[in-house]
Amino acid sequence: MPIFEDECYADLIWNREVPPSLYAFAPGQVIHIGSFSKTLSPALRLGYLITGWDIMSRLVACKREADGGTGAIEQLIVAEYFSRSFDQHVGALTEVLRGKLDVMVEALEQEFGTAVEMFRPKGGIFLWIRLPDAVDVTKLVAPAADAGIAFNPGTEWACHPAGATSYMRLCFALPSKDQIRDGMAALAQVCLNETGIPARSANVRRAAGQ
């Protein structure tokens, strides 16, 4: 049975000690997939695939039928830039992302306190959080959007959606640190308005003018 190994975030880890890929252990069985849209520019929409020619020859034929082939300019841009600047660029990018994650975690702790459980990643661009089981985050999507906030409900990204109704996935890649702080405060207010969580003490309510 072939194994699809999607490692589009593999370069975006904090300690830069990348574990061996599955392809390294079983090259004849694994189809390894990666992307430059996460490490260089989302607009490039350029990825790559590594596998044996027996599989590659069939995939190439399917790709040509589907999209006529990948644009040459995008490939030349990636080849030219990363041939000289890959390590430096990715190192700087991961430091920026790690700093934004730190700000998001701090803001969540400040706004939600113990009402939220966080699953801090070792890389990538997403932070998963879990609210109390009584909260259905899908009911927060619309009011959050009205407040200018977008998040991914856990049910849309879980293998078992029924057990992920209180989970949400937050992206820290695009917004600035100030936007992250403001966004977490706004998200906490939306959650409070809709669910009563996180609970506010009388002192906090008076300070906020509520």
C-alpha atoms as a PDB file:
ATOM      1  CA  MET A   1       0.000   0.000   0.000  1.00  0.00           C
ATOM      2  CA  PRO A   2       1.513   3.382  -0.945  1.00  0.00           C
ATOM      3  CA  ILE A   3       1.968   5.988   1.790  1.00  0.00           C
ATOM      4  CA  PHE A   4       1.468   9.702   1.056  1.00  0.00           C
ATOM      5  CA  GLU A   5       3.785  11.770   3.246  1.00  0.00           C
ATOM      6  CA  ASP A   6       2.802  15.442   3.200  1.00  0.00           C
ATOM      7  CA  GLU A   7       5.576  17.515   4.796  1.00  0.00           C
ATOM      8  CA  CYS A   8       4.681  21.038   3.697  1.00  0.00           C
ATOM      9  CA  TYR A   9       5.582  22.404   7.156  1.00  0.00           C
ATOM     10  CA  ALA A  10       8.659  20.239   7.771  1.00  0.00           C
ATOM     11  CA  ASP A  11      11.106  23.130   7.289  1.00  0.00           C
ATOM     12  CA  LEU A  12       9.256  25.409   9.712  1.00  0.00           C
ATOM     13  CA  ILE A  13      10.365  23.924  13.023  1.00  0.00           C
ATOM     14  CA  TRP A  14      11.990  25.795  15.868  1.00  0.00           C
ATOM     15  CA  ASN A  15      14.997  23.635  16.714  1.00  0.00           C
ATOM     16  CA  ARG A  16      15.946  22.960  13.049  1.00  0.00           C
ATOM     17  CA  GLU A  17      16.548  19.292  13.875  1.00  0.00           C
ATOM     18  CA  VAL A  18      14.344  17.734  11.243  1.00  0.00           C
ATOM     19  CA  PRO A  19      13.507  14.076  11.933  1.00  0.00           C
ATOM     20  CA  PRO A  20      14.006  11.583   9.108  1.00  0.00           C
ATOM     21  CA  SER A  21      11.165  11.401   6.627  1.00  0.00           C
ATOM     22  CA  LEU A  22       9.199   8.233   6.014  1.00  0.00           C
ATOM     23  CA  TYR A  23      10.588   8.300   2.484  1.00  0.00           C
ATOM     24  CA  ALA A  24      14.089   7.857   3.929  1.00  0.00           C
ATOM     25  CA  PHE A  25      13.015   4.558   5.473  1.00  0.00           C
ATOM     26  CA  ALA A  26      10.885   3.168   2.630  1.00  0.00           C
ATOM     27  CA  PRO A  27      11.564   4.973  -0.678  1.00  0.00           C
ATOM     28  CA  GLY A  28       9.846   2.265  -2.650  1.00  0.00           C
ATOM     29  CA  GLN A  29       6.589   2.634  -0.751  1.00  0.00           C
ATOM     30  CA  VAL A  30       6.360   6.341   0.160  1.00  0.00           C
ATOM     31  CA  ILE A  31       5.230   9.237  -2.033  1.00  0.00           C
ATOM     32  CA  HIS A  32       6.824  12.279  -0.384  1.00  0.00           C
ATOM     33  CA  ILE A  33       5.135  15.651  -0.921  1.00  0.00           C
ATOM     34  CA  GLY A  34       6.444  19.105   0.019  1.00  0.00           C
ATOM     35  CA  SER A  35       5.655  22.738  -0.692  1.00  0.00           C
ATOM     36  CA  PHE A  36       7.383  26.082  -1.232  1.00  0.00           C
ATOM     37  CA  SER A  37       4.181  28.045  -0.643  1.00  0.00           C
ATOM     38  CA  LYS A  38       4.744  27.825   3.127  1.00  0.00           C
ATOM     39  CA  THR A  39       8.457  28.609   3.171  1.00  0.00           C
ATOM     40  CA  LEU A  40       8.748  31.265   0.446  1.00  0.00           C
ATOM     41  CA  SER A  41       5.430  32.708  -0.713  1.00  0.00           C
ATOM     42  CA  PRO A  42       1.828  31.473  -0.497  1.00  0.00           C
ATOM     43  CA  ALA A  43       1.076  33.025  -3.893  1.00  0.00           C
ATOM     44  CA  LEU A  44       3.569  30.729  -5.627  1.00  0.00           C
ATOM     45  CA  ARG A  45       1.402  27.632  -5.009  1.00  0.00           C
ATOM     46  CA  LEU A  46       4.390  25.516  -5.912  1.00  0.00           C
ATOM     47  CA  GLY A  47       5.174  22.111  -4.481  1.00  0.00           C
ATOM     48  CA  TYR A  48       7.198  19.033  -5.249  1.00  0.00           C
ATOM     49  CA  LEU A  49       6.880  15.272  -5.136  1.00  0.00           C
ATOM     50  CA  ILE A  50       9.499  12.575  -4.607  1.00  0.00           C
ATOM     51  CA  THR A  51       8.882   8.954  -5.481  1.00  0.00           C
ATOM     52  CA  GLY A  52      10.077   6.188  -7.757  1.00  0.00           C
ATOM     53  CA  TRP A  53       9.753   6.607 -11.508  1.00  0.00           C
ATOM     54  CA  ASP A  54       7.255   3.759 -11.768  1.00  0.00           C
ATOM     55  CA  ILE A  55       4.797   5.902  -9.791  1.00  0.00           C
ATOM     56  CA  MET A  56       6.080   9.284 -10.938  1.00  0.00           C
ATOM     57  CA  SER A  57       5.512   8.498 -14.611  1.00  0.00           C
ATOM     58  CA  ARG A  58       1.817   7.914 -13.998  1.00  0.00           C
ATOM     59  CA  LEU A  59       1.427  10.975 -11.767  1.00  0.00           C
ATOM     60  CA  VAL A  60       3.115  13.243 -14.311  1.00  0.00           C
ATOM     61  CA  ALA A  61       0.671  12.093 -16.955  1.00  0.00           C
ATOM     62  CA  CYS A  62      -2.270  12.855 -14.653  1.00  0.00           C
ATOM     63  CA  LYS A  63      -0.893  16.284 -13.814  1.00  0.00           C
ATOM     64  CA  ARG A  64      -0.516  17.263 -17.460  1.00  0.00           C
ATOM     65  CA  GLU A  65      -4.120  16.322 -18.082  1.00  0.00           C
ATOM     66  CA  ALA A  66      -5.285  18.276 -15.035  1.00  0.00           C
ATOM     67  CA  ASP A  67      -3.492  21.626 -15.299  1.00  0.00           C
ATOM     68  CA  GLY A  68      -1.228  21.596 -18.346  1.00  0.00           C
ATOM     69  CA  GLY A  69       1.939  21.681 -16.245  1.00  0.00           C
ATOM     70  CA  THR A  70       3.400  23.994 -13.619  1.00  0.00           C
ATOM     71  CA  GLY A  71       4.404  27.528 -14.634  1.00  0.00           C
ATOM     72  CA  ALA A  72       8.090  27.884 -15.479  1.00  0.00           C
ATOM     73  CA  ILE A  73       8.490  31.348 -13.956  1.00  0.00           C
ATOM     74  CA  GLU A  74       7.484  30.164 -10.487  1.00  0.00           C
ATOM     75  CA  GLN A  75       9.941  27.279 -10.691  1.00  0.00           C
ATOM     76  CA  LEU A  76      12.753  29.591 -11.804  1.00  0.00           C
ATOM     77  CA  ILE A  77      12.049  31.994  -8.935  1.00  0.00           C
ATOM     78  CA  VAL A  78      12.242  29.228  -6.345  1.00  0.00           C
ATOM     79  CA  ALA A  79      15.348  27.664  -7.898  1.00  0.00           C
ATOM     80  CA  GLU A  80      17.182  30.994  -8.090  1.00  0.00           C
ATOM     81  CA  TYR A  81      16.312  32.193  -4.606  1.00  0.00           C
ATOM     82  CA  PHE A  82      16.647  28.979  -2.661  1.00  0.00           C
ATOM     83  CA  SER A  83      19.878  27.961  -4.382  1.00  0.00           C
ATOM     84  CA  ARG A  84      21.492  30.890  -2.530  1.00  0.00           C
ATOM     85  CA  SER A  85      19.296  31.780   0.435  1.00  0.00           C
ATOM     86  CA  PHE A  86      17.295  28.777   1.653  1.00  0.00           C
ATOM     87  CA  ASP A  87      18.911  28.231   5.062  1.00  0.00           C
ATOM     88  CA  GLN A  88      19.160  31.937   5.860  1.00  0.00           C
ATOM     89  CA  HIS A  89      15.597  32.644   4.779  1.00  0.00           C
ATOM     90  CA  VAL A  90      13.998  29.694   6.565  1.00  0.00           C
ATOM     91  CA  GLY A  91      16.007  30.379   9.718  1.00  0.00           C
ATOM     92  CA  ALA A  92      14.779  33.978   9.826  1.00  0.00           C
ATOM     93  CA  LEU A  93      11.210  32.937   9.000  1.00  0.00           C
ATOM     94  CA  THR A  94      11.020  30.387  11.797  1.00  0.00           C
ATOM     95  CA  GLU A  95      12.272  32.954  14.314  1.00  0.00           C
ATOM     96  CA  VAL A  96       9.508  35.343  13.270  1.00  0.00           C
ATOM     97  CA  LEU A  97       6.879  32.613  13.503  1.00  0.00           C
ATOM     98  CA  ARG A  98       8.119  31.448  16.886  1.00  0.00           C
ATOM     99  CA  GLY A  99       7.907  35.008  18.197  1.00  0.00           C
ATOM    100  CA  LYS A 100       4.316  35.334  16.999  1.00  0.00           C
ATOM    101  CA  LEU A 101       3.421  32.014  18.626  1.00  0.00           C
ATOM    102  CA  ASP A 102       4.859  33.253  21.931  1.00  0.00           C
ATOM    103  CA  VAL A 103       2.673  36.353  21.700  1.00  0.00           C
ATOM    104  CA  MET A 104      -0.429  34.287  20.898  1.00  0.00           C
ATOM    105  CA  VAL A 105       0.162  31.941  23.831  1.00  0.00           C
ATOM    106  CA  GLU A 106       0.713  34.883  26.178  1.00  0.00           C
ATOM    107  CA  ALA A 107      -2.427  36.637  24.931  1.00  0.00           C
ATOM    108  CA  LEU A 108      -4.525  33.487  25.295  1.00  0.00           C
ATOM    109  CA  GLU A 109      -3.298  32.966  28.839  1.00  0.00           C
ATOM    110  CA  GLN A 110      -4.133  36.567  29.671  1.00  0.00           C
ATOM    111  CA  GLU A 111      -7.584  36.592  28.047  1.00  0.00           C
ATOM    112  CA  PHE A 112      -8.816  33.046  28.727  1.00  0.00           C
ATOM    113  CA  GLY A 113      -6.837  31.973  31.786  1.00  0.00           C
ATOM    114  CA  THR A 114      -7.490  28.348  32.703  1.00  0.00           C
ATOM    115  CA  ALA A 115     -10.605  28.181  30.503  1.00  0.00           C
ATOM    116  CA  VAL A 116      -8.497  27.158  27.511  1.00  0.00           C
ATOM    117  CA  GLU A 117      -6.092  24.273  27.006  1.00  0.00           C
ATOM    118  CA  MET A 118      -3.314  24.852  24.465  1.00  0.00           C
ATOM    119  CA  PHE A 119      -1.323  22.354  22.428  1.00  0.00           C
ATOM    120  CA  ARG A 120       1.844  24.315  21.721  1.00  0.00           C
ATOM    121  CA  PRO A 121       3.482  23.211  18.444  1.00  0.00           C
ATOM    122  CA  LYS A 122       7.183  22.720  17.776  1.00  0.00           C
ATOM    123  CA  GLY A 123       6.833  24.458  14.438  1.00  0.00           C
ATOM    124  CA  GLY A 124       4.413  25.358  11.671  1.00  0.00           C
ATOM    125  CA  ILE A 125       1.880  28.187  11.660  1.00  0.00           C
ATOM    126  CA  PHE A 126      -1.054  26.888  13.748  1.00  0.00           C
ATOM    127  CA  LEU A 127      -1.906  26.677  17.439  1.00  0.00           C
ATOM    128  CA  TRP A 128      -4.631  24.255  18.535  1.00  0.00           C
ATOM    129  CA  ILE A 129      -6.690  25.147  21.591  1.00  0.00           C
ATOM    130  CA  ARG A 130      -9.454  23.391  23.469  1.00  0.00           C
ATOM    131  CA  LEU A 131     -12.284  25.151  25.242  1.00  0.00           C
ATOM    132  CA  PRO A 132     -14.549  23.458  27.836  1.00  0.00           C
ATOM    133  CA  ASP A 133     -16.534  20.545  26.403  1.00  0.00           C
ATOM    134  CA  ALA A 134     -19.797  22.488  26.699  1.00  0.00           C
ATOM    135  CA  VAL A 135     -18.592  24.960  24.038  1.00  0.00           C
ATOM    136  CA  ASP A 136     -19.405  24.218  20.392  1.00  0.00           C
ATOM    137  CA  VAL A 137     -16.932  26.396  18.499  1.00  0.00           C
ATOM    138  CA  THR A 138     -18.901  26.122  15.243  1.00  0.00           C
ATOM    139  CA  LYS A 139     -21.473  28.428  16.855  1.00  0.00           C
ATOM    140  CA  LEU A 140     -18.735  31.025  17.351  1.00  0.00           C
ATOM    141  CA  VAL A 141     -17.721  31.213  13.685  1.00  0.00           C
ATOM    142  CA  ALA A 142     -20.327  33.787  12.619  1.00  0.00           C
ATOM    143  CA  PRO A 143     -20.053  36.134  15.632  1.00  0.00           C
ATOM    144  CA  ALA A 144     -16.261  35.916  15.456  1.00  0.00           C
ATOM    145  CA  ALA A 145     -16.369  36.837  11.764  1.00  0.00           C
ATOM    146  CA  ASP A 146     -18.540  39.830  12.639  1.00  0.00           C
ATOM    147  CA  ALA A 147     -15.753  40.894  15.031  1.00  0.00           C
ATOM    148  CA  GLY A 148     -13.147  40.507  12.295  1.00  0.00           C
ATOM    149  CA  ILE A 149     -11.783  37.157  13.470  1.00  0.00           C
ATOM    150  CA  ALA A 150     -11.389  33.965  11.445  1.00  0.00           C
ATOM    151  CA  PHE A 151     -10.494  30.581  12.915  1.00  0.00           C
ATOM    152  CA  ASN A 152     -10.729  26.932  11.917  1.00  0.00           C
ATOM    153  CA  PRO A 153     -13.278  24.858  13.878  1.00  0.00           C
ATOM    154  CA  GLY A 154     -11.697  21.643  15.058  1.00  0.00           C
ATOM    155  CA  THR A 155     -14.469  19.577  13.481  1.00  0.00           C
ATOM    156  CA  GLU A 156     -13.222  20.553  10.014  1.00  0.00           C
ATOM    157  CA  TRP A 157      -9.675  19.309  10.672  1.00  0.00           C
ATOM    158  CA  ALA A 158     -10.106  16.285  12.930  1.00  0.00           C
ATOM    159  CA  CYS A 159     -10.173  12.607  12.045  1.00  0.00           C
ATOM    160  CA  HIS A 160     -13.120  12.236  14.440  1.00  0.00           C
ATOM    161  CA  PRO A 161     -15.163  15.462  14.136  1.00  0.00           C
ATOM    162  CA  ALA A 162     -17.664  14.486  16.824  1.00  0.00           C
ATOM    163  CA  GLY A 163     -14.933  14.628  19.452  1.00  0.00           C
ATOM    164  CA  ALA A 164     -13.519  17.980  18.333  1.00  0.00           C
ATOM    165  CA  THR A 165     -16.460  20.362  18.768  1.00  0.00           C
ATOM    166  CA  SER A 166     -14.657  22.346  21.486  1.00  0.00           C
ATOM    167  CA  TYR A 167     -11.378  22.627  19.569  1.00  0.00           C
ATOM    168  CA  MET A 168     -10.236  25.428  17.294  1.00  0.00           C
ATOM    169  CA  ARG A 169      -7.152  26.004  15.181  1.00  0.00           C
ATOM    170  CA  LEU A 170      -5.609  29.484  15.204  1.00  0.00           C
ATOM    171  CA  CYS A 171      -3.135  30.722  12.595  1.00  0.00           C
ATOM    172  CA  PHE A 172      -0.336  33.048  13.724  1.00  0.00           C
ATOM    173  CA  ALA A 173       1.505  33.397  10.395  1.00  0.00           C
ATOM    174  CA  LEU A 174      -0.029  36.496   8.765  1.00  0.00           C
ATOM    175  CA  PRO A 175      -1.152  38.867  11.577  1.00  0.00           C
ATOM    176  CA  SER A 176       1.296  41.147  13.366  1.00  0.00           C
ATOM    177  CA  LYS A 177       1.969  40.756  17.078  1.00  0.00           C
ATOM    178  CA  ASP A 178      -0.329  43.681  17.868  1.00  0.00           C
ATOM    179  CA  GLN A 179      -3.074  42.174  15.709  1.00  0.00           C
ATOM    180  CA  ILE A 180      -2.664  38.863  17.532  1.00  0.00           C
ATOM    181  CA  ARG A 181      -3.066  40.553  20.913  1.00  0.00           C
ATOM    182  CA  ASP A 182      -6.113  42.512  19.765  1.00  0.00           C
ATOM    183  CA  GLY A 183      -7.549  39.421  18.091  1.00  0.00           C
ATOM    184  CA  MET A 184      -7.257  37.266  21.193  1.00  0.00           C
ATOM    185  CA  ALA A 185      -8.983  39.954  23.266  1.00  0.00           C
ATOM    186  CA  ALA A 186     -11.786  40.175  20.710  1.00  0.00           C
ATOM    187  CA  LEU A 187     -12.103  36.388  20.522  1.00  0.00           C
ATOM    188  CA  ALA A 188     -12.373  36.170  24.299  1.00  0.00           C
ATOM    189  CA  GLN A 189     -15.124  38.793  24.237  1.00  0.00           C
ATOM    190  CA  VAL A 190     -17.030  36.913  21.534  1.00  0.00           C
ATOM    191  CA  CYS A 191     -16.709  33.674  23.479  1.00  0.00           C
ATOM    192  CA  LEU A 192     -17.860  35.392  26.673  1.00  0.00           C
ATOM    193  CA  ASN A 193     -20.866  36.935  24.951  1.00  0.00           C
ATOM    194  CA  GLU A 194     -21.928  33.649  23.362  1.00  0.00           C
ATOM    195  CA  THR A 195     -21.070  31.103  26.055  1.00  0.00           C
ATOM    196  CA  GLY A 196     -20.231  32.900  29.302  1.00  0.00           C
ATOM    197  CA  ILE A 197     -16.666  31.573  28.993  1.00  0.00           C
ATOM    198  CA  PRO A 198     -14.109  32.704  30.063  1.00  0.00           C
ATOM    199  CA  ALA A 199     -15.771  33.769  33.289  1.00  0.00           C
ATOM    200  CA  ARG A 200     -14.869  37.275  34.464  1.00  0.00           C
ATOM    201  CA  SER A 201     -14.447  38.202  38.096  1.00  0.00           C
ATOM    202  CA  ALA A 202     -16.318  41.200  39.493  1.00  0.00           C
ATOM    203  CA  ASN A 203     -13.060  43.178  39.578  1.00  0.00           C
ATOM    204  CA  VAL A 204     -12.391  42.521  35.905  1.00  0.00           C
ATOM    205  CA  ARG A 205     -15.969  43.419  34.939  1.00  0.00           C
ATOM    206  CA  ARG A 206     -15.769  46.728  36.802  1.00  0.00           C
ATOM    207  CA  ALA A 207     -12.409  47.551  35.204  1.00  0.00           C
ATOM    208  CA  ALA A 208     -13.848  46.862  31.770  1.00  0.00           C
ATOM    209  CA  GLY A 209     -16.945  48.932  32.477  1.00  0.00           C
ATOM    210  CA  GLN A 210     -19.276  45.964  32.177  1.00  0.00           C
END
